[in-house]
Amino acid sequence: MGNRGLRGQLTPTQENMKTTQIPTATRNPYRISAMEALENEGFEPSEDGAFAYARHAMFEGTSPACCTEGCVVEPDGACSHGCPSILIALGLI
């Protein structure tokens, strides 16, 4: 146990000041690039293809997520695997 001060509070010691290392963020194994997702949807993986897809998605009301599992989400959403919609990944929303 740590040392207690006058009011019974723990006082800083080497033992109770130790911090645990937080692991660095790992890459989401389900995530694919926006350009790869565009290609999967049949659009050219270019700036023109991105804008053509954006026009298309406005009328659909849904958007594929940048996910290997083929998830479909709202244009401003993310799937249950944590992958954003193509429009978010492209920075259009």
N, C-alpha and C. Protein backbone atom coordinates (compact mmCIF):
# COMPACT_ATOMS: atom_id res chain seq x y z
N MET A 1 0.84 -1.18 0.00
CA MET A 1 0.00 0.00 0.00
C MET A 1 0.88 1.24 0.00
N GLY A 2 0.33 2.32 -0.50
CA GLY A 2 1.08 3.57 -0.56
C GLY A 2 1.11 4.27 0.78
N ASN A 3 1.97 5.26 0.90
CA ASN A 3 2.04 6.04 2.14
C ASN A 3 0.83 6.94 2.24
N ARG A 4 0.35 7.11 3.45
CA ARG A 4 -0.81 7.96 3.67
C ARG A 4 -0.36 9.25 4.33
N GLY A 5 -0.91 10.36 3.87
CA GLY A 5 -0.59 11.68 4.43
C GLY A 5 -1.42 11.96 5.66
N LEU A 6 -1.41 13.20 6.10
CA LEU A 6 -2.11 13.62 7.31
C LEU A 6 -3.61 13.34 7.24
N ARG A 7 -4.20 13.48 6.10
CA ARG A 7 -5.65 13.30 5.97
C ARG A 7 -6.01 11.91 5.43
N GLY A 8 -5.12 11.01 5.45
CA GLY A 8 -5.39 9.66 4.97
C GLY A 8 -5.30 9.50 3.46
N GLN A 9 -4.87 10.56 2.77
CA GLN A 9 -4.75 10.48 1.32
C GLN A 9 -3.42 9.85 0.94
N LEU A 10 -3.41 9.17 -0.17
CA LEU A 10 -2.16 8.61 -0.66
C LEU A 10 -1.21 9.74 -1.03
N THR A 11 0.02 9.59 -0.63
CA THR A 11 1.04 10.56 -1.02
C THR A 11 1.85 9.97 -2.15
N PRO A 12 2.37 10.81 -3.03
CA PRO A 12 3.12 10.29 -4.17
C PRO A 12 4.37 9.53 -3.73
N THR A 13 4.50 8.33 -4.19
CA THR A 13 5.72 7.54 -4.00
C THR A 13 6.05 6.95 -5.35
N GLN A 14 7.22 6.39 -5.47
CA GLN A 14 7.61 5.77 -6.74
C GLN A 14 6.63 4.66 -7.12
N GLU A 15 6.15 3.92 -6.11
CA GLU A 15 5.28 2.78 -6.40
C GLU A 15 3.91 3.19 -6.92
N ASN A 16 3.26 4.17 -6.27
CA ASN A 16 1.91 4.52 -6.73
C ASN A 16 1.91 5.56 -7.84
N MET A 17 3.09 6.00 -8.28
CA MET A 17 3.16 6.92 -9.41
C MET A 17 3.48 6.19 -10.71
N LYS A 18 3.69 4.89 -10.65
CA LYS A 18 3.99 4.13 -11.86
C LYS A 18 2.80 4.22 -12.81
N THR A 19 3.10 4.41 -14.05
CA THR A 19 2.03 4.45 -15.04
C THR A 19 2.17 3.26 -15.98
N THR A 20 1.08 2.82 -16.48
CA THR A 20 1.12 1.73 -17.44
C THR A 20 1.23 2.32 -18.84
N GLN A 21 1.90 1.63 -19.68
CA GLN A 21 2.05 2.07 -21.06
C GLN A 21 0.77 1.77 -21.82
N ILE A 22 0.23 2.78 -22.47
CA ILE A 22 -0.96 2.59 -23.29
C ILE A 22 -0.48 2.13 -24.66
N PRO A 23 -1.00 1.01 -25.13
CA PRO A 23 -0.54 0.53 -26.44
C PRO A 23 -0.91 1.52 -27.54
N THR A 24 -0.05 1.61 -28.51
CA THR A 24 -0.33 2.51 -29.63
C THR A 24 -1.51 1.97 -30.42
N ALA A 25 -2.22 2.87 -31.05
CA ALA A 25 -3.40 2.47 -31.82
C ALA A 25 -2.97 1.52 -32.94
N THR A 26 -3.76 0.50 -33.12
CA THR A 26 -3.49 -0.44 -34.19
C THR A 26 -4.41 -0.15 -35.35
N ARG A 27 -3.99 -0.52 -36.52
CA ARG A 27 -4.78 -0.29 -37.71
C ARG A 27 -6.02 -1.17 -37.67
N ASN A 28 -7.15 -0.61 -38.07
CA ASN A 28 -8.40 -1.35 -38.13
C ASN A 28 -8.28 -2.40 -39.24
N PRO A 29 -8.37 -3.69 -38.93
CA PRO A 29 -8.19 -4.72 -39.95
C PRO A 29 -9.30 -4.74 -41.01
N TYR A 30 -10.45 -4.11 -40.72
CA TYR A 30 -11.56 -4.08 -41.67
C TYR A 30 -11.48 -2.90 -42.63
N ARG A 31 -10.66 -1.91 -42.32
CA ARG A 31 -10.64 -0.65 -43.06
C ARG A 31 -9.94 -0.79 -44.41
N ILE A 32 -10.57 -0.27 -45.44
CA ILE A 32 -9.94 -0.17 -46.76
C ILE A 32 -9.93 1.30 -47.15
N SER A 33 -9.15 1.65 -48.13
CA SER A 33 -9.06 3.05 -48.54
C SER A 33 -10.34 3.47 -49.26
N ALA A 34 -10.57 4.77 -49.28
CA ALA A 34 -11.74 5.29 -49.98
C ALA A 34 -11.66 4.97 -51.47
N MET A 35 -10.47 5.03 -52.03
CA MET A 35 -10.32 4.74 -53.46
C MET A 35 -10.62 3.28 -53.76
N GLU A 36 -10.23 2.39 -52.86
CA GLU A 36 -10.55 0.97 -53.04
C GLU A 36 -12.06 0.74 -52.92
N ALA A 37 -12.69 1.43 -51.97
CA ALA A 37 -14.15 1.32 -51.82
C ALA A 37 -14.87 1.86 -53.05
N LEU A 38 -14.36 2.96 -53.62
CA LEU A 38 -14.95 3.51 -54.85
C LEU A 38 -14.86 2.48 -55.98
N GLU A 39 -13.70 1.86 -56.10
CA GLU A 39 -13.52 0.84 -57.14
C GLU A 39 -14.49 -0.31 -56.94
N ASN A 40 -14.68 -0.73 -55.68
CA ASN A 40 -15.62 -1.82 -55.38
C ASN A 40 -17.05 -1.46 -55.78
N GLU A 41 -17.37 -0.16 -55.77
CA GLU A 41 -18.71 0.31 -56.15
C GLU A 41 -18.84 0.57 -57.65
N GLY A 42 -17.77 0.36 -58.40
CA GLY A 42 -17.82 0.53 -59.85
C GLY A 42 -17.49 1.93 -60.33
N PHE A 43 -16.91 2.76 -59.47
CA PHE A 43 -16.51 4.12 -59.84
C PHE A 43 -15.00 4.17 -60.02
N GLU A 44 -14.58 5.06 -60.89
CA GLU A 44 -13.16 5.24 -61.14
C GLU A 44 -12.48 5.80 -59.88
N PRO A 45 -11.36 5.19 -59.45
CA PRO A 45 -10.69 5.67 -58.25
C PRO A 45 -9.86 6.94 -58.53
N SER A 46 -10.56 8.03 -58.76
CA SER A 46 -9.92 9.31 -59.07
C SER A 46 -10.78 10.43 -58.49
N GLU A 47 -10.34 11.65 -58.66
CA GLU A 47 -11.12 12.79 -58.17
C GLU A 47 -12.47 12.87 -58.89
N ASP A 48 -12.46 12.65 -60.19
CA ASP A 48 -13.72 12.67 -60.95
C ASP A 48 -14.66 11.56 -60.49
N GLY A 49 -14.10 10.39 -60.24
CA GLY A 49 -14.91 9.27 -59.75
C GLY A 49 -15.49 9.56 -58.37
N ALA A 50 -14.71 10.24 -57.54
CA ALA A 50 -15.19 10.59 -56.20
C ALA A 50 -16.37 11.54 -56.27
N PHE A 51 -16.29 12.54 -57.13
CA PHE A 51 -17.40 13.49 -57.25
C PHE A 51 -18.62 12.85 -57.92
N ALA A 52 -18.38 11.96 -58.87
CA ALA A 52 -19.49 11.23 -59.48
C ALA A 52 -20.18 10.36 -58.43
N TYR A 53 -19.38 9.73 -57.58
CA TYR A 53 -19.96 8.92 -56.51
C TYR A 53 -20.74 9.80 -55.52
N ALA A 54 -20.22 10.96 -55.18
CA ALA A 54 -20.89 11.87 -54.24
C ALA A 54 -22.27 12.25 -54.77
N ARG A 55 -22.35 12.56 -56.08
CA ARG A 55 -23.65 12.89 -56.68
C ARG A 55 -24.60 11.70 -56.58
N HIS A 56 -24.09 10.53 -56.85
CA HIS A 56 -24.88 9.31 -56.78
C HIS A 56 -25.37 9.06 -55.35
N ALA A 57 -24.49 9.22 -54.36
CA ALA A 57 -24.82 8.92 -52.96
C ALA A 57 -25.85 9.90 -52.41
N MET A 58 -25.89 11.12 -52.92
CA MET A 58 -26.87 12.10 -52.45
C MET A 58 -28.29 11.61 -52.71
N PHE A 59 -28.49 10.93 -53.81
CA PHE A 59 -29.82 10.45 -54.15
C PHE A 59 -30.14 9.13 -53.45
N GLU A 60 -29.14 8.35 -53.13
CA GLU A 60 -29.36 7.05 -52.50
C GLU A 60 -29.72 7.18 -51.02
N GLY A 61 -29.10 8.09 -50.30
CA GLY A 61 -29.35 8.22 -48.87
C GLY A 61 -28.55 7.24 -48.03
N THR A 62 -27.79 6.38 -48.68
CA THR A 62 -26.88 5.46 -47.98
C THR A 62 -25.54 5.49 -48.70
N SER A 63 -24.54 4.98 -48.02
CA SER A 63 -23.21 4.95 -48.60
C SER A 63 -22.49 3.71 -48.10
N PRO A 64 -21.72 3.06 -48.94
CA PRO A 64 -20.91 1.96 -48.44
C PRO A 64 -19.85 2.50 -47.49
N ALA A 65 -19.53 1.72 -46.49
CA ALA A 65 -18.43 2.07 -45.60
C ALA A 65 -17.13 1.61 -46.25
N CYS A 66 -16.03 2.19 -45.83
CA CYS A 66 -14.71 1.77 -46.30
C CYS A 66 -14.32 0.52 -45.51
N CYS A 67 -15.07 -0.56 -45.73
CA CYS A 67 -14.97 -1.77 -44.92
C CYS A 67 -14.87 -3.00 -45.82
N THR A 68 -14.06 -3.95 -45.41
CA THR A 68 -13.90 -5.18 -46.17
C THR A 68 -15.15 -6.05 -46.13
N GLU A 69 -16.05 -5.79 -45.18
CA GLU A 69 -17.25 -6.60 -45.00
C GLU A 69 -18.44 -6.13 -45.84
N GLY A 70 -18.28 -5.04 -46.60
CA GLY A 70 -19.36 -4.55 -47.45
C GLY A 70 -20.49 -3.87 -46.71
N CYS A 71 -20.20 -3.27 -45.57
CA CYS A 71 -21.23 -2.60 -44.77
C CYS A 71 -21.79 -1.37 -45.49
N VAL A 72 -23.07 -1.10 -45.30
CA VAL A 72 -23.73 0.08 -45.85
C VAL A 72 -24.17 0.94 -44.67
N VAL A 73 -23.87 2.22 -44.74
CA VAL A 73 -24.15 3.14 -43.64
C VAL A 73 -24.80 4.42 -44.18
N GLU A 74 -25.22 5.28 -43.27
CA GLU A 74 -25.69 6.61 -43.68
C GLU A 74 -24.47 7.39 -44.19
N PRO A 75 -24.68 8.35 -45.08
CA PRO A 75 -23.53 9.08 -45.65
C PRO A 75 -22.62 9.72 -44.61
N ASP A 76 -23.16 10.07 -43.45
CA ASP A 76 -22.32 10.69 -42.42
C ASP A 76 -22.04 9.74 -41.26
N GLY A 77 -22.10 8.43 -41.52
CA GLY A 77 -21.95 7.45 -40.46
C GLY A 77 -20.74 6.55 -40.61
N ALA A 78 -20.67 5.60 -39.69
CA ALA A 78 -19.62 4.58 -39.68
C ALA A 78 -20.29 3.23 -39.38
N CYS A 79 -19.66 2.17 -39.81
CA CYS A 79 -20.23 0.83 -39.59
C CYS A 79 -19.86 0.30 -38.21
N SER A 80 -20.37 -0.86 -37.90
CA SER A 80 -20.10 -1.47 -36.59
C SER A 80 -18.64 -1.89 -36.43
N HIS A 81 -17.90 -1.94 -37.53
CA HIS A 81 -16.47 -2.26 -37.47
C HIS A 81 -15.62 -1.00 -37.29
N GLY A 82 -16.28 0.16 -37.27
CA GLY A 82 -15.55 1.42 -37.06
C GLY A 82 -15.06 2.07 -38.33
N CYS A 83 -15.53 1.63 -39.47
CA CYS A 83 -15.10 2.20 -40.76
C CYS A 83 -16.07 3.28 -41.21
N PRO A 84 -15.55 4.42 -41.63
CA PRO A 84 -16.42 5.54 -42.04
C PRO A 84 -17.01 5.32 -43.44
N SER A 85 -18.03 6.10 -43.74
CA SER A 85 -18.57 6.06 -45.10
C SER A 85 -17.52 6.59 -46.07
N ILE A 86 -17.70 6.28 -47.34
CA ILE A 86 -16.77 6.76 -48.36
C ILE A 86 -16.74 8.28 -48.36
N LEU A 87 -17.91 8.90 -48.20
CA LEU A 87 -17.96 10.37 -48.24
C LEU A 87 -17.18 11.01 -47.10
N ILE A 88 -17.22 10.41 -45.92
CA ILE A 88 -16.42 10.93 -44.80
C ILE A 88 -14.93 10.72 -45.08
N ALA A 89 -14.59 9.53 -45.55
CA ALA A 89 -13.18 9.22 -45.83
C ALA A 89 -12.60 10.15 -46.90
N LEU A 90 -13.42 10.57 -47.83
CA LEU A 90 -12.96 11.47 -48.88
C LEU A 90 -12.94 12.93 -48.41
N GLY A 91 -13.52 13.19 -47.25
CA GLY A 91 -13.55 14.55 -46.73
C GLY A 91 -14.64 15.41 -47.36
N LEU A 92 -15.65 14.76 -47.94
CA LEU A 92 -16.74 15.50 -48.58
C LEU A 92 -17.88 15.81 -47.61
N ILE A 93 -17.85 15.19 -46.45
CA ILE A 93 -18.81 15.50 -45.38
C ILE A 93 -18.01 15.86 -44.16
